[in-house]
Amino acid sequence: MSEQLIIGNASHLYAVQEGWGQLPADIQYGYTHGIVVDDEDRVYVHHTGKESVVVFDKNGTFLTSWGSEFEGGAHGFYLHRDPDGQQYLYFADTRRSMIVKTTLSGEVLLRITPPDRPDLYDAERKYVPTDVCVAPNGDIYVSDGYGQSYVHHYNAEGTYIRSWGGKGSEPGKLNSPHGISINLRGEQPEIYIADRSNNRIQVFTLEGEHLRFVEHNLDLPCSFYFFGDEVYLPDLHSRVTILDANDRLITHLGEDQQAYKQQGWPNLPKSYYRADRFSSPHGICVDSVGNVYLAEWISDGRVTKLVRQR
């Protein structure tokens, strides 16, 4: 029996399960962009290939797949729990410039098309949403990470409310707001934005007012997953970052400072990859017992499970 690979630090120690989640022979991953876990610890992997949502149980046994409409455009992926306990999936489709809300089985409940803002968007100035999140009251927030670097705010029915941002580095401005999520750890909900090309997190009120920056220990942050008092971030530059309740560093996981510097990255030769090192982390989630699931931005996909030891 081979020795188990262990990564982490004294407080966050994980056993590596490379290649977790065995696909059926008729399904192949495209780029694995997003990953979420539901209340029963079922894991949903979102990728750019056909049947773009693949569902596994916590042991990695394939359950089902669906989502052909997202082929080629799969990107942002968010699971929201309503106050009544119902769970829904939200998608940011880069190819169709659309936000889609579905049930956990893929029934489409809502589509949000590009905002009617001719002052921001035209034939040259594209709208390319990269992520979506939902506030406790049901309001929907969309980050235009690959377009004009704005955030758009809608109510639960998809009616437009406001926008803020625009490209820049000063407070309130953004440069590739790649990921967006809701921080519920404080007295009031806040919006966390992975201001990726500025190498920082920017924090806003639900009305879009700038509150603060988190600028340390980040290297192209992609998205967020809040677990207890902690926040887990995939840094595209080859590591996972875990921050504490005050957004201070707990640890980096699987860091490989050589991976992203190589020609051809993120699609490196298969001989390069190591189970305990990451190349291009893009999506992350944590199950009910603290196990971490990571999806990497690689042309034929890569998903890793980290089993919490302590």
C-alpha atoms as a PDB file:
ATOM      1  CA  MET A   1       0.000   0.000   0.000  1.00  0.00           C
ATOM      2  CA  SER A   2       1.443   3.375  -1.008  1.00  0.00           C
ATOM      3  CA  GLU A   3       2.062   6.018   1.634  1.00  0.00           C
ATOM      4  CA  GLN A   4      -0.657   8.647   1.890  1.00  0.00           C
ATOM      5  CA  LEU A   5       0.233  12.111   0.637  1.00  0.00           C
ATOM      6  CA  ILE A   6      -0.350  14.729   3.336  1.00  0.00           C
ATOM      7  CA  ILE A   7      -0.374  18.520   2.863  1.00  0.00           C
ATOM      8  CA  GLY A   8      -1.189  21.483   5.081  1.00  0.00           C
ATOM      9  CA  ASN A   9      -0.050  22.772   8.463  1.00  0.00           C
ATOM     10  CA  ALA A  10      -0.594  21.962  12.140  1.00  0.00           C
ATOM     11  CA  SER A  11      -4.193  23.172  12.217  1.00  0.00           C
ATOM     12  CA  HIS A  12      -5.227  22.264   8.653  1.00  0.00           C
ATOM     13  CA  LEU A  13      -3.905  18.881   7.592  1.00  0.00           C
ATOM     14  CA  TYR A  14      -5.249  16.996   4.557  1.00  0.00           C
ATOM     15  CA  ALA A  15      -4.756  13.670   2.825  1.00  0.00           C
ATOM     16  CA  VAL A  16      -4.665  14.028  -0.958  1.00  0.00           C
ATOM     17  CA  GLN A  17      -7.071  12.054  -3.153  1.00  0.00           C
ATOM     18  CA  GLU A  18      -5.905  12.765  -6.694  1.00  0.00           C
ATOM     19  CA  GLY A  19      -8.307  11.903  -9.481  1.00  0.00           C
ATOM     20  CA  TRP A  20     -11.266  11.761  -7.138  1.00  0.00           C
ATOM     21  CA  GLY A  21     -14.594  11.209  -8.926  1.00  0.00           C
ATOM     22  CA  GLN A  22     -14.500   8.603 -11.657  1.00  0.00           C
ATOM     23  CA  LEU A  23     -16.239   9.660 -14.861  1.00  0.00           C
ATOM     24  CA  PRO A  24     -18.277   7.218 -16.955  1.00  0.00           C
ATOM     25  CA  ALA A  25     -16.608   6.202 -20.208  1.00  0.00           C
ATOM     26  CA  ASP A  26     -18.928   8.428 -22.269  1.00  0.00           C
ATOM     27  CA  ILE A  27     -18.135  11.672 -20.375  1.00  0.00           C
ATOM     28  CA  GLN A  28     -14.937  13.670 -20.695  1.00  0.00           C
ATOM     29  CA  TYR A  29     -14.112  16.857 -18.857  1.00  0.00           C
ATOM     30  CA  GLY A  30     -13.435  20.104 -20.608  1.00  0.00           C
ATOM     31  CA  TYR A  31     -11.882  22.861 -18.523  1.00  0.00           C
ATOM     32  CA  THR A  32     -13.073  22.265 -14.950  1.00  0.00           C
ATOM     33  CA  HIS A  33     -14.126  25.717 -13.791  1.00  0.00           C
ATOM     34  CA  GLY A  34     -16.519  25.403 -10.862  1.00  0.00           C
ATOM     35  CA  ILE A  35     -17.315  23.019  -8.036  1.00  0.00           C
ATOM     36  CA  VAL A  36     -19.995  23.146  -5.312  1.00  0.00           C
ATOM     37  CA  VAL A  37     -21.354  20.826  -2.630  1.00  0.00           C
ATOM     38  CA  ASP A  38     -24.974  20.523  -1.454  1.00  0.00           C
ATOM     39  CA  ASP A  39     -26.438  19.794   1.976  1.00  0.00           C
ATOM     40  CA  GLU A  40     -26.084  16.046   1.457  1.00  0.00           C
ATOM     41  CA  ASP A  41     -22.402  16.425   0.499  1.00  0.00           C
ATOM     42  CA  ARG A  42     -23.073  15.646  -3.147  1.00  0.00           C
ATOM     43  CA  VAL A  43     -20.431  17.320  -5.282  1.00  0.00           C
ATOM     44  CA  TYR A  44     -21.263  19.130  -8.545  1.00  0.00           C
ATOM     45  CA  VAL A  45     -18.416  19.708 -11.014  1.00  0.00           C
ATOM     46  CA  HIS A  46     -18.961  22.321 -13.736  1.00  0.00           C
ATOM     47  CA  HIS A  47     -16.830  22.071 -16.869  1.00  0.00           C
ATOM     48  CA  THR A  48     -16.834  23.270 -20.477  1.00  0.00           C
ATOM     49  CA  GLY A  49     -17.452  19.889 -22.115  1.00  0.00           C
ATOM     50  CA  LYS A  50     -20.774  18.233 -22.963  1.00  0.00           C
ATOM     51  CA  GLU A  51     -22.998  17.380 -19.994  1.00  0.00           C
ATOM     52  CA  SER A  52     -21.283  20.261 -18.240  1.00  0.00           C
ATOM     53  CA  VAL A  53     -22.581  19.434 -14.740  1.00  0.00           C
ATOM     54  CA  VAL A  54     -21.356  16.129 -13.319  1.00  0.00           C
ATOM     55  CA  VAL A  55     -22.652  15.016  -9.917  1.00  0.00           C
ATOM     56  CA  PHE A  56     -20.878  12.639  -7.519  1.00  0.00           C
ATOM     57  CA  ASP A  57     -21.534  11.408  -4.015  1.00  0.00           C
ATOM     58  CA  LYS A  58     -18.939  12.210  -1.357  1.00  0.00           C
ATOM     59  CA  ASN A  59     -17.027   9.026  -2.132  1.00  0.00           C
ATOM     60  CA  GLY A  60     -16.601   9.998  -5.778  1.00  0.00           C
ATOM     61  CA  THR A  61     -19.255   7.664  -7.183  1.00  0.00           C
ATOM     62  CA  PHE A  62     -20.892   9.119 -10.308  1.00  0.00           C
ATOM     63  CA  LEU A  63     -24.591   9.918  -9.825  1.00  0.00           C
ATOM     64  CA  THR A  64     -25.766  11.874 -12.859  1.00  0.00           C
ATOM     65  CA  SER A  65     -24.865  14.532 -15.416  1.00  0.00           C
ATOM     66  CA  TRP A  66     -26.682  17.268 -17.324  1.00  0.00           C
ATOM     67  CA  GLY A  67     -26.178  20.816 -18.568  1.00  0.00           C
ATOM     68  CA  SER A  68     -25.441  20.515 -22.276  1.00  0.00           C
ATOM     69  CA  GLU A  69     -26.556  24.122 -22.821  1.00  0.00           C
ATOM     70  CA  PHE A  70     -23.446  25.338 -20.960  1.00  0.00           C
ATOM     71  CA  GLU A  71     -20.977  23.514 -23.213  1.00  0.00           C
ATOM     72  CA  GLY A  72     -18.176  25.915 -24.085  1.00  0.00           C
ATOM     73  CA  GLY A  73     -19.450  28.645 -21.778  1.00  0.00           C
ATOM     74  CA  ALA A  74     -19.258  27.010 -18.357  1.00  0.00           C
ATOM     75  CA  HIS A  75     -17.579  29.289 -15.835  1.00  0.00           C
ATOM     76  CA  GLY A  76     -19.081  30.765 -12.657  1.00  0.00           C
ATOM     77  CA  PHE A  77     -20.966  28.298 -10.431  1.00  0.00           C
ATOM     78  CA  TYR A  78     -22.761  29.047  -7.155  1.00  0.00           C
ATOM     79  CA  LEU A  79     -25.027  27.093  -4.837  1.00  0.00           C
ATOM     80  CA  HIS A  80     -27.507  29.159  -2.830  1.00  0.00           C
ATOM     81  CA  ARG A  81     -29.689  28.046   0.061  1.00  0.00           C
ATOM     82  CA  ASP A  82     -32.907  30.010   0.472  1.00  0.00           C
ATOM     83  CA  PRO A  83     -34.190  30.778   3.989  1.00  0.00           C
ATOM     84  CA  ASP A  84     -36.749  27.993   3.547  1.00  0.00           C
ATOM     85  CA  GLY A  85     -33.930  25.492   2.987  1.00  0.00           C
ATOM     86  CA  GLN A  86     -34.342  25.082  -0.761  1.00  0.00           C
ATOM     87  CA  GLN A  87     -31.113  24.848  -2.735  1.00  0.00           C
ATOM     88  CA  TYR A  88     -30.516  26.285  -6.200  1.00  0.00           C
ATOM     89  CA  LEU A  89     -27.641  26.467  -8.655  1.00  0.00           C
ATOM     90  CA  TYR A  90     -26.580  29.664 -10.431  1.00  0.00           C
ATOM     91  CA  PHE A  91     -24.420  29.729 -13.544  1.00  0.00           C
ATOM     92  CA  ALA A  92     -22.405  32.459 -15.259  1.00  0.00           C
ATOM     93  CA  ASP A  93     -22.162  31.469 -18.923  1.00  0.00           C
ATOM     94  CA  THR A  94     -19.330  33.320 -20.681  1.00  0.00           C
ATOM     95  CA  ARG A  95     -20.200  32.125 -24.183  1.00  0.00           C
ATOM     96  CA  ARG A  96     -23.821  33.287 -24.102  1.00  0.00           C
ATOM     97  CA  SER A  97     -23.290  36.204 -21.696  1.00  0.00           C
ATOM     98  CA  MET A  98     -26.071  34.912 -19.491  1.00  0.00           C
ATOM     99  CA  ILE A  99     -26.897  34.078 -15.876  1.00  0.00           C
ATOM    100  CA  VAL A 100     -29.025  30.964 -15.330  1.00  0.00           C
ATOM    101  CA  LYS A 101     -30.731  29.695 -12.162  1.00  0.00           C
ATOM    102  CA  THR A 102     -31.690  26.022 -11.936  1.00  0.00           C
ATOM    103  CA  THR A 103     -32.819  23.402  -9.464  1.00  0.00           C
ATOM    104  CA  LEU A 104     -30.253  20.849  -8.308  1.00  0.00           C
ATOM    105  CA  SER A 105     -31.469  18.569 -11.090  1.00  0.00           C
ATOM    106  CA  GLY A 106     -31.096  21.185 -13.829  1.00  0.00           C
ATOM    107  CA  GLU A 107     -34.602  22.574 -14.291  1.00  0.00           C
ATOM    108  CA  VAL A 108     -34.186  26.166 -15.480  1.00  0.00           C
ATOM    109  CA  LEU A 109     -36.013  28.675 -13.293  1.00  0.00           C
ATOM    110  CA  LEU A 110     -34.544  32.010 -14.390  1.00  0.00           C
ATOM    111  CA  ARG A 111     -32.377  33.494 -17.119  1.00  0.00           C
ATOM    112  CA  ILE A 112     -30.793  36.938 -16.880  1.00  0.00           C
ATOM    113  CA  THR A 113     -29.606  38.411 -20.166  1.00  0.00           C
ATOM    114  CA  PRO A 114     -27.080  41.265 -20.512  1.00  0.00           C
ATOM    115  CA  PRO A 115     -28.042  44.479 -18.693  1.00  0.00           C
ATOM    116  CA  ASP A 116     -29.599  47.239 -20.766  1.00  0.00           C
ATOM    117  CA  ARG A 117     -26.707  49.646 -20.332  1.00  0.00           C
ATOM    118  CA  PRO A 118     -25.702  51.100 -23.718  1.00  0.00           C
ATOM    119  CA  ASP A 119     -23.450  53.511 -21.852  1.00  0.00           C
ATOM    120  CA  LEU A 120     -21.343  50.542 -20.741  1.00  0.00           C
ATOM    121  CA  TYR A 121     -21.773  47.952 -23.512  1.00  0.00           C
ATOM    122  CA  ASP A 122     -21.800  47.994 -27.287  1.00  0.00           C
ATOM    123  CA  ALA A 123     -20.318  45.999 -30.172  1.00  0.00           C
ATOM    124  CA  GLU A 124     -16.780  46.700 -29.004  1.00  0.00           C
ATOM    125  CA  ARG A 125     -17.318  46.767 -25.229  1.00  0.00           C
ATOM    126  CA  LYS A 126     -18.444  43.226 -24.453  1.00  0.00           C
ATOM    127  CA  TYR A 127     -20.299  41.863 -21.430  1.00  0.00           C
ATOM    128  CA  VAL A 128     -18.762  38.571 -20.301  1.00  0.00           C
ATOM    129  CA  PRO A 129     -19.991  37.493 -16.842  1.00  0.00           C
ATOM    130  CA  THR A 130     -17.621  35.235 -14.928  1.00  0.00           C
ATOM    131  CA  ASP A 131     -19.400  34.676 -11.597  1.00  0.00           C
ATOM    132  CA  VAL A 132     -22.638  35.130  -9.693  1.00  0.00           C
ATOM    133  CA  CYS A 133     -23.751  35.092  -6.063  1.00  0.00           C
ATOM    134  CA  VAL A 134     -26.954  35.568  -4.084  1.00  0.00           C
ATOM    135  CA  ALA A 135     -27.578  37.638  -0.941  1.00  0.00           C
ATOM    136  CA  PRO A 136     -29.734  36.382   1.962  1.00  0.00           C
ATOM    137  CA  ASN A 137     -32.715  38.384   0.622  1.00  0.00           C
ATOM    138  CA  GLY A 138     -32.423  36.691  -2.795  1.00  0.00           C
ATOM    139  CA  ASP A 139     -30.795  39.602  -4.633  1.00  0.00           C
ATOM    140  CA  ILE A 140     -28.401  38.465  -7.360  1.00  0.00           C
ATOM    141  CA  TYR A 141     -24.946  39.940  -8.031  1.00  0.00           C
ATOM    142  CA  VAL A 142     -23.019  39.338 -11.243  1.00  0.00           C
ATOM    143  CA  SER A 143     -19.340  40.081 -11.898  1.00  0.00           C
ATOM    144  CA  ASP A 144     -18.441  41.025 -15.464  1.00  0.00           C
ATOM    145  CA  GLY A 145     -14.922  39.701 -15.073  1.00  0.00           C
ATOM    146  CA  TYR A 146     -13.968  39.249 -18.719  1.00  0.00           C
ATOM    147  CA  GLY A 147     -15.838  42.278 -20.035  1.00  0.00           C
ATOM    148  CA  GLN A 148     -15.846  45.807 -18.631  1.00  0.00           C
ATOM    149  CA  SER A 149     -15.125  44.976 -14.963  1.00  0.00           C
ATOM    150  CA  TYR A 150     -18.499  46.023 -13.572  1.00  0.00           C
ATOM    151  CA  VAL A 151     -20.713  44.387 -10.968  1.00  0.00           C
ATOM    152  CA  HIS A 152     -24.460  44.240 -11.708  1.00  0.00           C
ATOM    153  CA  HIS A 153     -27.140  43.954  -9.034  1.00  0.00           C
ATOM    154  CA  TYR A 154     -30.580  42.385  -9.639  1.00  0.00           C
ATOM    155  CA  ASN A 155     -33.466  41.401  -7.430  1.00  0.00           C
ATOM    156  CA  ALA A 156     -34.494  37.772  -6.985  1.00  0.00           C
ATOM    157  CA  GLU A 157     -36.725  37.928 -10.079  1.00  0.00           C
ATOM    158  CA  GLY A 158     -33.862  39.175 -12.245  1.00  0.00           C
ATOM    159  CA  THR A 159     -34.953  42.841 -12.405  1.00  0.00           C
ATOM    160  CA  TYR A 160     -31.983  45.156 -12.789  1.00  0.00           C
ATOM    161  CA  ILE A 161     -31.210  47.472  -9.844  1.00  0.00           C
ATOM    162  CA  ARG A 162     -27.750  49.034 -10.188  1.00  0.00           C
ATOM    163  CA  SER A 163     -24.154  48.669 -11.348  1.00  0.00           C
ATOM    164  CA  TRP A 164     -20.801  49.766  -9.992  1.00  0.00           C
ATOM    165  CA  GLY A 165     -17.105  49.348 -10.701  1.00  0.00           C
ATOM    166  CA  GLY A 166     -15.402  49.795 -14.020  1.00  0.00           C
ATOM    167  CA  LYS A 167     -11.772  49.144 -14.840  1.00  0.00           C
ATOM    168  CA  GLY A 168      -9.166  50.645 -12.542  1.00  0.00           C
ATOM    169  CA  SER A 169      -7.179  50.157  -9.350  1.00  0.00           C
ATOM    170  CA  GLU A 170      -8.535  52.825  -7.025  1.00  0.00           C
ATOM    171  CA  PRO A 171     -11.151  51.965  -4.349  1.00  0.00           C
ATOM    172  CA  GLY A 172     -14.378  50.833  -6.007  1.00  0.00           C
ATOM    173  CA  LYS A 173     -12.712  50.153  -9.348  1.00  0.00           C
ATOM    174  CA  LEU A 174     -11.932  46.644 -10.544  1.00  0.00           C
ATOM    175  CA  ASN A 175      -9.674  44.816 -12.961  1.00  0.00           C
ATOM    176  CA  SER A 176     -11.146  41.441 -13.892  1.00  0.00           C
ATOM    177  CA  PRO A 177     -13.608  40.896 -11.019  1.00  0.00           C
ATOM    178  CA  HIS A 178     -13.372  37.174 -11.633  1.00  0.00           C
ATOM    179  CA  GLY A 179     -15.201  35.820  -8.589  1.00  0.00           C
ATOM    180  CA  ILE A 180     -17.946  37.143  -6.321  1.00  0.00           C
ATOM    181  CA  SER A 181     -19.489  35.820  -3.128  1.00  0.00           C
ATOM    182  CA  ILE A 182     -21.379  36.827   0.016  1.00  0.00           C
ATOM    183  CA  ASN A 183     -19.555  37.045   3.341  1.00  0.00           C
ATOM    184  CA  LEU A 184     -21.913  36.242   6.225  1.00  0.00           C
ATOM    185  CA  ARG A 185     -19.286  36.100   8.976  1.00  0.00           C
ATOM    186  CA  GLY A 186     -19.885  39.612  10.326  1.00  0.00           C
ATOM    187  CA  GLU A 187     -22.839  41.581  11.647  1.00  0.00           C
ATOM    188  CA  GLN A 188     -23.905  42.601   8.133  1.00  0.00           C
ATOM    189  CA  PRO A 189     -23.616  40.678   4.850  1.00  0.00           C
ATOM    190  CA  GLU A 190     -20.818  41.873   2.601  1.00  0.00           C
ATOM    191  CA  ILE A 191     -19.848  41.271  -0.997  1.00  0.00           C
ATOM    192  CA  TYR A 192     -16.398  39.807  -1.566  1.00  0.00           C
ATOM    193  CA  ILE A 193     -14.956  40.260  -5.042  1.00  0.00           C
ATOM    194  CA  ALA A 194     -11.868  38.463  -6.327  1.00  0.00           C
ATOM    195  CA  ASP A 195     -10.344  41.497  -8.056  1.00  0.00           C
ATOM    196  CA  ARG A 196      -8.040  39.121  -9.851  1.00  0.00           C
ATOM    197  CA  SER A 197      -5.840  41.249 -12.074  1.00  0.00           C
ATOM    198  CA  ASN A 198      -5.345  43.668  -9.163  1.00  0.00           C
ATOM    199  CA  ASN A 199      -4.227  40.681  -7.029  1.00  0.00           C
ATOM    200  CA  ARG A 200      -6.601  41.524  -4.205  1.00  0.00           C
ATOM    201  CA  ILE A 201     -10.010  41.062  -2.667  1.00  0.00           C
ATOM    202  CA  GLN A 202     -12.289  44.067  -2.619  1.00  0.00           C
ATOM    203  CA  VAL A 203     -15.153  44.200  -0.119  1.00  0.00           C
ATOM    204  CA  PHE A 204     -18.419  46.086  -0.669  1.00  0.00           C
ATOM    205  CA  THR A 205     -21.748  46.614   1.023  1.00  0.00           C
ATOM    206  CA  LEU A 206     -24.800  45.043  -0.616  1.00  0.00           C
ATOM    207  CA  GLU A 207     -25.457  48.474  -2.150  1.00  0.00           C
ATOM    208  CA  GLY A 208     -22.048  48.597  -3.809  1.00  0.00           C
ATOM    209  CA  GLU A 209     -20.197  50.902  -1.407  1.00  0.00           C
ATOM    210  CA  HIS A 210     -16.496  50.147  -1.063  1.00  0.00           C
ATOM    211  CA  LEU A 211     -15.495  49.016   2.435  1.00  0.00           C
ATOM    212  CA  ARG A 212     -11.924  47.734   2.321  1.00  0.00           C
ATOM    213  CA  PHE A 213      -9.237  45.769   0.531  1.00  0.00           C
ATOM    214  CA  VAL A 214      -7.601  42.458   1.390  1.00  0.00           C
ATOM    215  CA  GLU A 215      -4.275  42.687  -0.390  1.00  0.00           C
ATOM    216  CA  HIS A 216      -1.896  40.243   1.318  1.00  0.00           C
ATOM    217  CA  ASN A 217      -1.078  36.606   0.533  1.00  0.00           C
ATOM    218  CA  LEU A 218      -2.965  36.509  -2.793  1.00  0.00           C
ATOM    219  CA  ASP A 219      -1.786  35.657  -6.310  1.00  0.00           C
ATOM    220  CA  LEU A 220      -4.564  35.970  -8.902  1.00  0.00           C
ATOM    221  CA  PRO A 221      -7.465  34.957  -6.609  1.00  0.00           C
ATOM    222  CA  CYS A 222     -10.277  33.322  -8.605  1.00  0.00           C
ATOM    223  CA  SER A 223     -13.254  32.747  -6.320  1.00  0.00           C
ATOM    224  CA  PHE A 224     -14.339  32.042  -2.730  1.00  0.00           C
ATOM    225  CA  TYR A 225     -15.826  29.440  -0.464  1.00  0.00           C
ATOM    226  CA  PHE A 226     -16.807  30.412   3.068  1.00  0.00           C
ATOM    227  CA  PHE A 227     -16.654  27.613   5.636  1.00  0.00           C
ATOM    228  CA  GLY A 228     -17.277  28.527   9.245  1.00  0.00           C
ATOM    229  CA  ASP A 229     -15.115  31.543  10.067  1.00  0.00           C
ATOM    230  CA  GLU A 230     -12.680  30.795   7.262  1.00  0.00           C
ATOM    231  CA  VAL A 231     -12.535  31.568   3.557  1.00  0.00           C
ATOM    232  CA  TYR A 232     -10.948  29.266   0.974  1.00  0.00           C
ATOM    233  CA  LEU A 233      -9.582  30.775  -2.251  1.00  0.00           C
ATOM    234  CA  PRO A 234      -8.121  29.172  -5.349  1.00  0.00           C
ATOM    235  CA  ASP A 235      -5.150  31.310  -6.392  1.00  0.00           C
ATOM    236  CA  LEU A 236      -4.765  30.739 -10.118  1.00  0.00           C
ATOM    237  CA  HIS A 237      -1.008  30.992  -9.676  1.00  0.00           C
ATOM    238  CA  SER A 238      -0.761  27.468  -8.437  1.00  0.00           C
ATOM    239  CA  ARG A 239      -2.009  27.210  -4.854  1.00  0.00           C
ATOM    240  CA  VAL A 240      -5.011  27.213  -2.530  1.00  0.00           C
ATOM    241  CA  THR A 241      -5.132  29.937   0.126  1.00  0.00           C
ATOM    242  CA  ILE A 242      -7.038  29.698   3.427  1.00  0.00           C
ATOM    243  CA  LEU A 243      -7.729  32.862   5.425  1.00  0.00           C
ATOM    244  CA  ASP A 244      -9.081  33.183   8.956  1.00  0.00           C
ATOM    245  CA  ALA A 245     -12.026  35.211  10.289  1.00  0.00           C
ATOM    246  CA  ASN A 246      -9.950  38.399   9.954  1.00  0.00           C
ATOM    247  CA  ASP A 247      -8.774  37.511   6.441  1.00  0.00           C
ATOM    248  CA  ARG A 248      -5.281  36.693   7.655  1.00  0.00           C
ATOM    249  CA  LEU A 249      -3.339  33.778   6.249  1.00  0.00           C
ATOM    250  CA  ILE A 250      -3.766  30.340   7.829  1.00  0.00           C
ATOM    251  CA  THR A 251      -1.937  28.363   5.149  1.00  0.00           C
ATOM    252  CA  HIS A 252      -1.318  27.787   1.460  1.00  0.00           C
ATOM    253  CA  LEU A 253      -2.049  24.292   0.130  1.00  0.00           C
ATOM    254  CA  GLY A 254      -0.294  22.548  -2.754  1.00  0.00           C
ATOM    255  CA  GLU A 255       1.765  25.572  -3.711  1.00  0.00           C
ATOM    256  CA  ASP A 256       3.909  25.189  -6.836  1.00  0.00           C
ATOM    257  CA  GLN A 257       5.722  28.387  -7.717  1.00  0.00           C
ATOM    258  CA  GLN A 258       7.129  26.832 -10.890  1.00  0.00           C
ATOM    259  CA  ALA A 259       3.908  25.656 -12.524  1.00  0.00           C
ATOM    260  CA  TYR A 260       2.426  28.935 -13.761  1.00  0.00           C
ATOM    261  CA  LYS A 261       5.807  30.199 -14.962  1.00  0.00           C
ATOM    262  CA  GLN A 262       6.175  27.462 -17.566  1.00  0.00           C
ATOM    263  CA  GLN A 263       5.478  27.849 -21.258  1.00  0.00           C
ATOM    264  CA  GLY A 264       2.131  26.366 -22.227  1.00  0.00           C
ATOM    265  CA  TRP A 265       0.612  26.742 -18.768  1.00  0.00           C
ATOM    266  CA  PRO A 266      -2.048  25.791 -17.703  1.00  0.00           C
ATOM    267  CA  ASN A 267      -1.938  22.852 -20.115  1.00  0.00           C
ATOM    268  CA  LEU A 268       1.375  21.351 -19.072  1.00  0.00           C
ATOM    269  CA  PRO A 269       2.623  17.845 -19.940  1.00  0.00           C
ATOM    270  CA  LYS A 270       0.863  15.208 -17.866  1.00  0.00           C
ATOM    271  CA  SER A 271       4.238  14.019 -16.611  1.00  0.00           C
ATOM    272  CA  TYR A 272       4.632  17.319 -14.779  1.00  0.00           C
ATOM    273  CA  TYR A 273       1.578  17.092 -12.524  1.00  0.00           C
ATOM    274  CA  ARG A 274       2.012  15.893  -8.955  1.00  0.00           C
ATOM    275  CA  ALA A 275      -0.837  14.869  -6.693  1.00  0.00           C
ATOM    276  CA  ASP A 276       0.213  17.175  -3.858  1.00  0.00           C
ATOM    277  CA  ARG A 277       0.913  20.225  -6.037  1.00  0.00           C
ATOM    278  CA  PHE A 278      -1.570  22.372  -7.912  1.00  0.00           C
ATOM    279  CA  SER A 279      -1.134  24.148 -11.224  1.00  0.00           C
ATOM    280  CA  SER A 280      -4.188  26.333 -11.938  1.00  0.00           C
ATOM    281  CA  PRO A 281      -6.796  26.296  -9.128  1.00  0.00           C
ATOM    282  CA  HIS A 282     -10.061  27.844 -10.307  1.00  0.00           C
ATOM    283  CA  GLY A 283     -12.995  26.560  -8.211  1.00  0.00           C
ATOM    284  CA  ILE A 284     -13.201  25.285  -4.647  1.00  0.00           C
ATOM    285  CA  CYS A 285     -15.724  24.057  -2.085  1.00  0.00           C
ATOM    286  CA  VAL A 286     -15.739  22.451   1.367  1.00  0.00           C
ATOM    287  CA  ASP A 287     -18.131  19.737   2.555  1.00  0.00           C
ATOM    288  CA  SER A 288     -19.839  19.398   5.933  1.00  0.00           C
ATOM    289  CA  VAL A 289     -16.846  17.768   7.630  1.00  0.00           C
ATOM    290  CA  GLY A 290     -14.163  20.072   6.209  1.00  0.00           C
ATOM    291  CA  ASN A 291     -12.983  18.087   3.192  1.00  0.00           C
ATOM    292  CA  VAL A 292     -11.869  20.322   0.342  1.00  0.00           C
ATOM    293  CA  TYR A 293     -12.691  19.795  -3.362  1.00  0.00           C
ATOM    294  CA  LEU A 294     -10.641  21.649  -5.964  1.00  0.00           C
ATOM    295  CA  ALA A 295     -11.257  22.126  -9.691  1.00  0.00           C
ATOM    296  CA  GLU A 296      -8.365  23.320 -11.854  1.00  0.00           C
ATOM    297  CA  TRP A 297      -8.412  25.279 -15.106  1.00  0.00           C
ATOM    298  CA  ILE A 298      -6.904  22.606 -17.365  1.00  0.00           C
ATOM    299  CA  SER A 299      -8.154  21.660 -20.844  1.00  0.00           C
ATOM    300  CA  ASP A 300      -9.214  18.121 -19.917  1.00  0.00           C
ATOM    301  CA  GLY A 301     -10.010  18.863 -16.291  1.00  0.00           C
ATOM    302  CA  ARG A 302      -8.504  18.079 -12.948  1.00  0.00           C
ATOM    303  CA  VAL A 303     -10.409  17.532  -9.694  1.00  0.00           C
ATOM    304  CA  THR A 304      -8.748  16.779  -6.353  1.00  0.00           C
ATOM    305  CA  LYS A 305     -10.252  15.914  -2.972  1.00  0.00           C
ATOM    306  CA  LEU A 306      -8.375  16.841   0.194  1.00  0.00           C
ATOM    307  CA  VAL A 307      -9.569  14.798   3.159  1.00  0.00           C
ATOM    308  CA  ARG A 308      -9.353  16.749   6.416  1.00  0.00           C
ATOM    309  CA  GLN A 309      -7.184  15.016   9.005  1.00  0.00           C
ATOM    310  CA  ARG A 310      -7.294  17.773  11.624  1.00  0.00           C
END
